[in-house]
Amino acid sequence: MPFNGIEYSINEQNTVILLKKACPYCDKSYQSNQKAANHIVSIHQKKVDRLVSGNRSFGMYNKANIQKYERLGFSIVVHYGCVSCKETFAVKEALRKHCDLIHIISSQPGNGYLKYFV
């Protein structure tokens, strides 16, 4: 269902899914996949694939969207978006497992530096 030029995931029970860009390994949230991927490298010493385009069929989880949809009478459901692909997850732990199994390119615990950057 198009809404202001963006296709949001809204069902017939007045529920909207908003996408949260969050680190799968801690409680940090980000406005962009690039910042999230940089955080994962610098803090968690894991290099992940990076999503080329952030276009998804979900509205972003932010204060403006929360207020808008609450004002319109929608229930809000938060999903977590992968920084490497367009998969979304209702549970953050599932996002972490997905990233570890599918997208980790390299991991170098210890000094915090990786030999290969995008």
C-alpha atoms as a PDB file:
ATOM      1  CA  MET A   1       0.000   0.000   0.000  1.00  0.00           C
ATOM      2  CA  PRO A   2       1.702   3.237  -1.122  1.00  0.00           C
ATOM      3  CA  PHE A   3       1.900   5.991   1.482  1.00  0.00           C
ATOM      4  CA  ASN A   4       3.612   9.260   0.554  1.00  0.00           C
ATOM      5  CA  GLY A   5       5.534   7.562  -2.274  1.00  0.00           C
ATOM      6  CA  ILE A   6       6.880   4.747  -0.085  1.00  0.00           C
ATOM      7  CA  GLU A   7       5.374   1.305   0.148  1.00  0.00           C
ATOM      8  CA  TYR A   8       4.783   0.518   3.795  1.00  0.00           C
ATOM      9  CA  SER A   9       3.837  -2.853   5.183  1.00  0.00           C
ATOM     10  CA  ILE A  10       0.351  -2.293   6.595  1.00  0.00           C
ATOM     11  CA  ASN A  11      -2.163  -5.048   7.174  1.00  0.00           C
ATOM     12  CA  GLU A  12      -5.932  -5.030   7.426  1.00  0.00           C
ATOM     13  CA  GLN A  13      -5.861  -4.916  11.261  1.00  0.00           C
ATOM     14  CA  ASN A  14      -4.337  -1.409  11.275  1.00  0.00           C
ATOM     15  CA  THR A  15      -0.857  -2.620  12.113  1.00  0.00           C
ATOM     16  CA  VAL A  16       2.232  -1.096  10.537  1.00  0.00           C
ATOM     17  CA  ILE A  17       5.723  -2.612  10.518  1.00  0.00           C
ATOM     18  CA  LEU A  18       8.516  -0.106  11.067  1.00  0.00           C
ATOM     19  CA  LEU A  19      12.094  -1.114  10.346  1.00  0.00           C
ATOM     20  CA  LYS A  20      14.768  -0.492  12.977  1.00  0.00           C
ATOM     21  CA  LYS A  21      18.416  -0.369  11.898  1.00  0.00           C
ATOM     22  CA  ALA A  22      20.146  -1.832  14.911  1.00  0.00           C
ATOM     23  CA  CYS A  23      23.434  -3.514  15.641  1.00  0.00           C
ATOM     24  CA  PRO A  24      22.781  -7.255  15.920  1.00  0.00           C
ATOM     25  CA  TYR A  25      25.415  -7.526  18.692  1.00  0.00           C
ATOM     26  CA  CYS A  26      24.497  -4.694  21.101  1.00  0.00           C
ATOM     27  CA  ASP A  27      21.808  -2.082  21.805  1.00  0.00           C
ATOM     28  CA  LYS A  28      23.008   0.608  19.367  1.00  0.00           C
ATOM     29  CA  SER A  29      20.649   1.877  16.647  1.00  0.00           C
ATOM     30  CA  TYR A  30      21.564   3.778  13.498  1.00  0.00           C
ATOM     31  CA  GLN A  31      20.001   5.923  10.795  1.00  0.00           C
ATOM     32  CA  SER A  32      21.938   4.225   8.003  1.00  0.00           C
ATOM     33  CA  ASN A  33      23.237   0.774   7.111  1.00  0.00           C
ATOM     34  CA  GLN A  34      26.683   2.278   6.471  1.00  0.00           C
ATOM     35  CA  LYS A  35      26.975   3.608  10.036  1.00  0.00           C
ATOM     36  CA  ALA A  36      25.747   0.291  11.445  1.00  0.00           C
ATOM     37  CA  ALA A  37      28.282  -1.681   9.377  1.00  0.00           C
ATOM     38  CA  ASN A  38      31.101   0.675  10.441  1.00  0.00           C
ATOM     39  CA  HIS A  39      30.082   0.183  14.079  1.00  0.00           C
ATOM     40  CA  ILE A  40      30.113  -3.619  13.717  1.00  0.00           C
ATOM     41  CA  VAL A  41      33.666  -3.467  12.326  1.00  0.00           C
ATOM     42  CA  SER A  42      35.088  -1.005  14.833  1.00  0.00           C
ATOM     43  CA  ILE A  43      33.369  -2.221  18.002  1.00  0.00           C
ATOM     44  CA  HIS A  44      32.686  -5.924  17.416  1.00  0.00           C
ATOM     45  CA  GLN A  45      35.648  -6.666  15.090  1.00  0.00           C
ATOM     46  CA  LYS A  46      33.388  -8.336  12.526  1.00  0.00           C
ATOM     47  CA  LYS A  47      33.347  -7.350   8.882  1.00  0.00           C
ATOM     48  CA  VAL A  48      29.984  -7.848   7.215  1.00  0.00           C
ATOM     49  CA  ASP A  49      28.753  -7.502   3.651  1.00  0.00           C
ATOM     50  CA  ARG A  50      27.110  -4.126   3.085  1.00  0.00           C
ATOM     51  CA  LEU A  51      23.712  -3.559   1.544  1.00  0.00           C
ATOM     52  CA  VAL A  52      24.126  -1.502  -1.627  1.00  0.00           C
ATOM     53  CA  SER A  53      20.624  -0.036  -1.484  1.00  0.00           C
ATOM     54  CA  GLY A  54      18.571   0.461   1.647  1.00  0.00           C
ATOM     55  CA  ASN A  55      15.253   0.419  -0.197  1.00  0.00           C
ATOM     56  CA  ARG A  56      12.778  -1.857   1.532  1.00  0.00           C
ATOM     57  CA  SER A  57       9.009  -2.035   1.734  1.00  0.00           C
ATOM     58  CA  PHE A  58       8.962  -0.793   5.323  1.00  0.00           C
ATOM     59  CA  GLY A  59       8.822   2.608   6.932  1.00  0.00           C
ATOM     60  CA  MET A  60      11.742   3.488   9.156  1.00  0.00           C
ATOM     61  CA  TYR A  61      11.469   3.247  12.928  1.00  0.00           C
ATOM     62  CA  ASN A  62      11.863   6.843  14.028  1.00  0.00           C
ATOM     63  CA  LYS A  63      10.035   9.351  16.213  1.00  0.00           C
ATOM     64  CA  ALA A  64       8.200  11.001  13.310  1.00  0.00           C
ATOM     65  CA  ASN A  65       6.826   7.700  11.969  1.00  0.00           C
ATOM     66  CA  ILE A  66       5.880   6.465  15.432  1.00  0.00           C
ATOM     67  CA  GLN A  67       3.918   9.663  16.106  1.00  0.00           C
ATOM     68  CA  LYS A  68       2.318   9.626  12.653  1.00  0.00           C
ATOM     69  CA  TYR A  69       1.072   6.052  12.851  1.00  0.00           C
ATOM     70  CA  GLU A  70      -0.052   6.337  16.474  1.00  0.00           C
ATOM     71  CA  ARG A  71      -2.015   9.468  15.530  1.00  0.00           C
ATOM     72  CA  LEU A  72      -3.639   7.506  12.673  1.00  0.00           C
ATOM     73  CA  GLY A  73      -4.609   4.726  15.088  1.00  0.00           C
ATOM     74  CA  PHE A  74      -2.158   2.060  13.912  1.00  0.00           C
ATOM     75  CA  SER A  75      -0.493  -0.515  16.134  1.00  0.00           C
ATOM     76  CA  ILE A  76       3.254  -0.478  15.535  1.00  0.00           C
ATOM     77  CA  VAL A  77       5.359  -3.609  15.130  1.00  0.00           C
ATOM     78  CA  VAL A  78       9.146  -3.247  15.031  1.00  0.00           C
ATOM     79  CA  HIS A  79      11.285  -5.422  12.775  1.00  0.00           C
ATOM     80  CA  TYR A  80      15.084  -5.393  12.659  1.00  0.00           C
ATOM     81  CA  GLY A  81      16.735  -4.949   9.263  1.00  0.00           C
ATOM     82  CA  CYS A  82      19.909  -6.682   8.196  1.00  0.00           C
ATOM     83  CA  VAL A  83      22.732  -4.287   7.185  1.00  0.00           C
ATOM     84  CA  SER A  84      23.825  -6.719   4.462  1.00  0.00           C
ATOM     85  CA  CYS A  85      20.612  -7.743   2.716  1.00  0.00           C
ATOM     86  CA  LYS A  86      16.922  -6.925   2.654  1.00  0.00           C
ATOM     87  CA  GLU A  87      15.920  -9.563   5.221  1.00  0.00           C
ATOM     88  CA  THR A  88      14.005  -8.380   8.263  1.00  0.00           C
ATOM     89  CA  PHE A  89      13.438 -10.105  11.580  1.00  0.00           C
ATOM     90  CA  ALA A  90      10.833  -9.723  14.296  1.00  0.00           C
ATOM     91  CA  VAL A  91      13.376 -10.811  16.921  1.00  0.00           C
ATOM     92  CA  LYS A  92      16.824  -9.237  17.236  1.00  0.00           C
ATOM     93  CA  GLU A  93      18.444 -12.567  18.180  1.00  0.00           C
ATOM     94  CA  ALA A  94      17.340 -13.960  14.808  1.00  0.00           C
ATOM     95  CA  LEU A  95      19.078 -11.007  13.118  1.00  0.00           C
ATOM     96  CA  ARG A  96      22.306 -11.776  15.002  1.00  0.00           C
ATOM     97  CA  LYS A  97      22.223 -15.453  14.013  1.00  0.00           C
ATOM     98  CA  HIS A  98      21.456 -14.512  10.398  1.00  0.00           C
ATOM     99  CA  CYS A  99      24.428 -12.100  10.248  1.00  0.00           C
ATOM    100  CA  ASP A 100      26.802 -14.632  11.825  1.00  0.00           C
ATOM    101  CA  LEU A 101      25.751 -17.443   9.490  1.00  0.00           C
ATOM    102  CA  ILE A 102      25.346 -15.555   6.214  1.00  0.00           C
ATOM    103  CA  HIS A 103      27.242 -12.252   6.174  1.00  0.00           C
ATOM    104  CA  ILE A 104      30.384 -12.309   8.320  1.00  0.00           C
ATOM    105  CA  ILE A 105      33.350 -11.924   5.960  1.00  0.00           C
ATOM    106  CA  SER A 106      36.060 -11.880   8.602  1.00  0.00           C
ATOM    107  CA  SER A 107      36.484 -11.540  12.314  1.00  0.00           C
ATOM    108  CA  GLN A 108      39.638 -10.527  14.113  1.00  0.00           C
ATOM    109  CA  PRO A 109      39.182 -10.224  17.878  1.00  0.00           C
ATOM    110  CA  GLY A 110      41.901  -8.571  19.854  1.00  0.00           C
ATOM    111  CA  ASN A 111      43.248  -5.411  18.299  1.00  0.00           C
ATOM    112  CA  GLY A 112      39.978  -4.211  16.730  1.00  0.00           C
ATOM    113  CA  TYR A 113      41.472  -3.720  13.278  1.00  0.00           C
ATOM    114  CA  LEU A 114      40.619  -5.691  10.195  1.00  0.00           C
ATOM    115  CA  LYS A 115      42.903  -6.138   7.232  1.00  0.00           C
ATOM    116  CA  TYR A 116      40.166  -5.730   4.631  1.00  0.00           C
ATOM    117  CA  PHE A 117      37.699  -2.849   4.402  1.00  0.00           C
ATOM    118  CA  VAL A 118      35.068  -1.975   1.822  1.00  0.00           C
END
